[in-house]
Amino acid sequence: MSAHGQVNMTARKLAMTTAGVVAVTAWAAASVTAWLLVTAPATVALAVQARDVQPLAQIAMRALYEAVVRLARYL
Protein backbone atom coordinates (compact mmCIF):
# COMPACT_ATOMS: atom_id res chain seq x y z
CA MET A 1 0.00 0.00 0.00
CA SER A 2 1.33 3.43 -0.87
CA ALA A 3 1.94 6.20 1.65
CA HIS A 4 -1.02 8.14 0.23
CA GLY A 5 -3.25 5.11 0.71
CA GLN A 6 -2.16 4.75 4.34
CA VAL A 7 -2.88 8.42 5.07
CA ASN A 8 -6.26 8.12 3.37
CA MET A 9 -7.10 5.00 5.43
CA THR A 10 -6.00 6.71 8.66
CA ALA A 11 -8.17 9.73 7.90
CA ARG A 12 -11.11 7.44 7.17
CA LYS A 13 -10.65 5.58 10.47
CA LEU A 14 -10.42 8.87 12.35
CA ALA A 15 -13.60 10.13 10.69
CA MET A 16 -15.48 6.94 11.56
CA THR A 17 -14.27 7.03 15.16
CA THR A 18 -15.30 10.67 15.49
CA ALA A 19 -18.72 9.92 14.02
CA GLY A 20 -19.14 7.05 16.45
CA VAL A 21 -18.25 9.19 19.45
CA VAL A 22 -20.67 11.90 18.34
CA ALA A 23 -23.43 9.32 17.83
CA VAL A 24 -22.93 7.76 21.26
CA THR A 25 -22.87 11.20 22.90
CA ALA A 26 -26.10 12.20 21.15
CA TRP A 27 -27.72 8.92 22.16
CA ALA A 28 -26.69 9.39 25.78
CA ALA A 29 -28.01 12.97 25.87
CA ALA A 30 -31.33 11.89 24.34
CA SER A 31 -31.63 8.99 26.79
CA VAL A 32 -30.97 11.20 29.80
CA THR A 33 -33.46 13.76 28.51
CA ALA A 34 -36.18 11.13 28.06
CA TRP A 35 -35.44 9.65 31.49
CA LEU A 36 -35.65 13.09 33.12
CA LEU A 37 -38.95 13.82 31.36
CA VAL A 38 -40.41 10.61 32.80
CA THR A 39 -38.95 10.79 36.31
CA ALA A 40 -38.96 14.54 37.01
CA PRO A 41 -41.31 16.33 34.62
CA ALA A 42 -41.87 19.34 36.90
CA THR A 43 -38.16 19.90 37.34
CA VAL A 44 -37.60 19.66 33.59
CA ALA A 45 -40.42 22.11 32.90
CA LEU A 46 -39.11 24.63 35.42
CA ALA A 47 -35.54 24.27 34.17
CA VAL A 48 -36.61 24.78 30.56
CA GLN A 49 -38.75 27.77 31.50
CA ALA A 50 -35.88 29.35 33.47
CA ARG A 51 -33.32 28.26 30.84
CA ASP A 52 -31.25 26.74 33.63
CA VAL A 53 -29.42 23.45 33.11
CA GLN A 54 -28.09 23.09 36.65
CA PRO A 55 -31.13 21.29 38.19
CA LEU A 56 -31.16 18.79 35.36
CA ALA A 57 -27.44 18.17 35.66
CA GLN A 58 -27.78 17.67 39.41
CA ILE A 59 -30.55 15.09 38.99
CA ALA A 60 -28.64 13.26 36.25
CA MET A 61 -25.38 13.21 38.24
CA ARG A 62 -27.18 12.03 41.39
CA ALA A 63 -28.76 9.18 39.44
CA LEU A 64 -25.41 8.26 37.90
CA TYR A 65 -23.79 8.28 41.35
CA GLU A 66 -26.52 6.05 42.77
CA ALA A 67 -26.15 3.63 39.86
CA VAL A 68 -22.39 3.40 40.40
CA VAL A 69 -22.87 2.84 44.15
CA ARG A 70 -25.43 0.07 43.49
CA LEU A 71 -23.10 -1.52 40.97
CA ALA A 72 -20.20 -1.37 43.45
CA ARG A 73 -22.34 -3.02 46.14
CA TYR A 74 -23.36 -5.72 43.68
CA LEU A 75 -19.76 -6.48 42.77
C-alpha atoms as a PDB file:
ATOM      1  CA  MET A   1       0.000   0.000   0.000  1.00  0.00           C
ATOM      2  CA  SER A   2       1.335   3.427  -0.874  1.00  0.00           C
ATOM      3  CA  ALA A   3       1.937   6.202   1.652  1.00  0.00           C
ATOM      4  CA  HIS A   4      -1.016   8.141   0.226  1.00  0.00           C
ATOM      5  CA  GLY A   5      -3.249   5.107   0.714  1.00  0.00           C
ATOM      6  CA  GLN A   6      -2.161   4.745   4.337  1.00  0.00           C
ATOM      7  CA  VAL A   7      -2.878   8.424   5.069  1.00  0.00           C
ATOM      8  CA  ASN A   8      -6.259   8.119   3.372  1.00  0.00           C
ATOM      9  CA  MET A   9      -7.096   5.005   5.432  1.00  0.00           C
ATOM     10  CA  THR A  10      -5.996   6.714   8.665  1.00  0.00           C
ATOM     11  CA  ALA A  11      -8.174   9.734   7.904  1.00  0.00           C
ATOM     12  CA  ARG A  12     -11.110   7.436   7.169  1.00  0.00           C
ATOM     13  CA  LYS A  13     -10.646   5.583  10.470  1.00  0.00           C
ATOM     14  CA  LEU A  14     -10.418   8.871  12.353  1.00  0.00           C
ATOM     15  CA  ALA A  15     -13.598  10.134  10.689  1.00  0.00           C
ATOM     16  CA  MET A  16     -15.482   6.942  11.555  1.00  0.00           C
ATOM     17  CA  THR A  17     -14.272   7.034  15.157  1.00  0.00           C
ATOM     18  CA  THR A  18     -15.303  10.671  15.492  1.00  0.00           C
ATOM     19  CA  ALA A  19     -18.719   9.925  14.019  1.00  0.00           C
ATOM     20  CA  GLY A  20     -19.143   7.046  16.454  1.00  0.00           C
ATOM     21  CA  VAL A  21     -18.247   9.193  19.448  1.00  0.00           C
ATOM     22  CA  VAL A  22     -20.673  11.901  18.336  1.00  0.00           C
ATOM     23  CA  ALA A  23     -23.429   9.322  17.826  1.00  0.00           C
ATOM     24  CA  VAL A  24     -22.928   7.757  21.260  1.00  0.00           C
ATOM     25  CA  THR A  25     -22.875  11.201  22.904  1.00  0.00           C
ATOM     26  CA  ALA A  26     -26.096  12.201  21.147  1.00  0.00           C
ATOM     27  CA  TRP A  27     -27.725   8.916  22.155  1.00  0.00           C
ATOM     28  CA  ALA A  28     -26.694   9.393  25.783  1.00  0.00           C
ATOM     29  CA  ALA A  29     -28.010  12.966  25.871  1.00  0.00           C
ATOM     30  CA  ALA A  30     -31.327  11.886  24.342  1.00  0.00           C
ATOM     31  CA  SER A  31     -31.631   8.989  26.789  1.00  0.00           C
ATOM     32  CA  VAL A  32     -30.972  11.199  29.803  1.00  0.00           C
ATOM     33  CA  THR A  33     -33.463  13.764  28.515  1.00  0.00           C
ATOM     34  CA  ALA A  34     -36.176  11.132  28.062  1.00  0.00           C
ATOM     35  CA  TRP A  35     -35.437   9.651  31.490  1.00  0.00           C
ATOM     36  CA  LEU A  36     -35.651  13.086  33.120  1.00  0.00           C
ATOM     37  CA  LEU A  37     -38.945  13.822  31.361  1.00  0.00           C
ATOM     38  CA  VAL A  38     -40.405  10.613  32.798  1.00  0.00           C
ATOM     39  CA  THR A  39     -38.947  10.786  36.307  1.00  0.00           C
ATOM     40  CA  ALA A  40     -38.960  14.542  37.010  1.00  0.00           C
ATOM     41  CA  PRO A  41     -41.309  16.332  34.620  1.00  0.00           C
ATOM     42  CA  ALA A  42     -41.874  19.344  36.896  1.00  0.00           C
ATOM     43  CA  THR A  43     -38.155  19.896  37.341  1.00  0.00           C
ATOM     44  CA  VAL A  44     -37.598  19.662  33.590  1.00  0.00           C
ATOM     45  CA  ALA A  45     -40.418  22.107  32.897  1.00  0.00           C
ATOM     46  CA  LEU A  46     -39.109  24.631  35.422  1.00  0.00           C
ATOM     47  CA  ALA A  47     -35.540  24.273  34.168  1.00  0.00           C
ATOM     48  CA  VAL A  48     -36.610  24.777  30.559  1.00  0.00           C
ATOM     49  CA  GLN A  49     -38.746  27.771  31.501  1.00  0.00           C
ATOM     50  CA  ALA A  50     -35.885  29.351  33.466  1.00  0.00           C
ATOM     51  CA  ARG A  51     -33.323  28.263  30.836  1.00  0.00           C
ATOM     52  CA  ASP A  52     -31.253  26.738  33.634  1.00  0.00           C
ATOM     53  CA  VAL A  53     -29.421  23.448  33.110  1.00  0.00           C
ATOM     54  CA  GLN A  54     -28.093  23.085  36.655  1.00  0.00           C
ATOM     55  CA  PRO A  55     -31.127  21.294  38.194  1.00  0.00           C
ATOM     56  CA  LEU A  56     -31.160  18.789  35.356  1.00  0.00           C
ATOM     57  CA  ALA A  57     -27.443  18.169  35.660  1.00  0.00           C
ATOM     58  CA  GLN A  58     -27.781  17.668  39.414  1.00  0.00           C
ATOM     59  CA  ILE A  59     -30.546  15.087  38.988  1.00  0.00           C
ATOM     60  CA  ALA A  60     -28.643  13.260  36.248  1.00  0.00           C
ATOM     61  CA  MET A  61     -25.384  13.206  38.241  1.00  0.00           C
ATOM     62  CA  ARG A  62     -27.179  12.034  41.388  1.00  0.00           C
ATOM     63  CA  ALA A  63     -28.759   9.176  39.442  1.00  0.00           C
ATOM     64  CA  LEU A  64     -25.413   8.257  37.898  1.00  0.00           C
ATOM     65  CA  TYR A  65     -23.790   8.279  41.347  1.00  0.00           C
ATOM     66  CA  GLU A  66     -26.524   6.054  42.772  1.00  0.00           C
ATOM     67  CA  ALA A  67     -26.152   3.634  39.863  1.00  0.00           C
ATOM     68  CA  VAL A  68     -22.387   3.399  40.402  1.00  0.00           C
ATOM     69  CA  VAL A  69     -22.872   2.843  44.145  1.00  0.00           C
ATOM     70  CA  ARG A  70     -25.430   0.068  43.486  1.00  0.00           C
ATOM     71  CA  LEU A  71     -23.096  -1.520  40.972  1.00  0.00           C
ATOM     72  CA  ALA A  72     -20.201  -1.368  43.451  1.00  0.00           C
ATOM     73  CA  ARG A  73     -22.336  -3.025  46.140  1.00  0.00           C
ATOM     74  CA  TYR A  74     -23.355  -5.719  43.683  1.00  0.00           C
ATOM     75  CA  LEU A  75     -19.759  -6.477  42.767  1.00  0.00           C
END
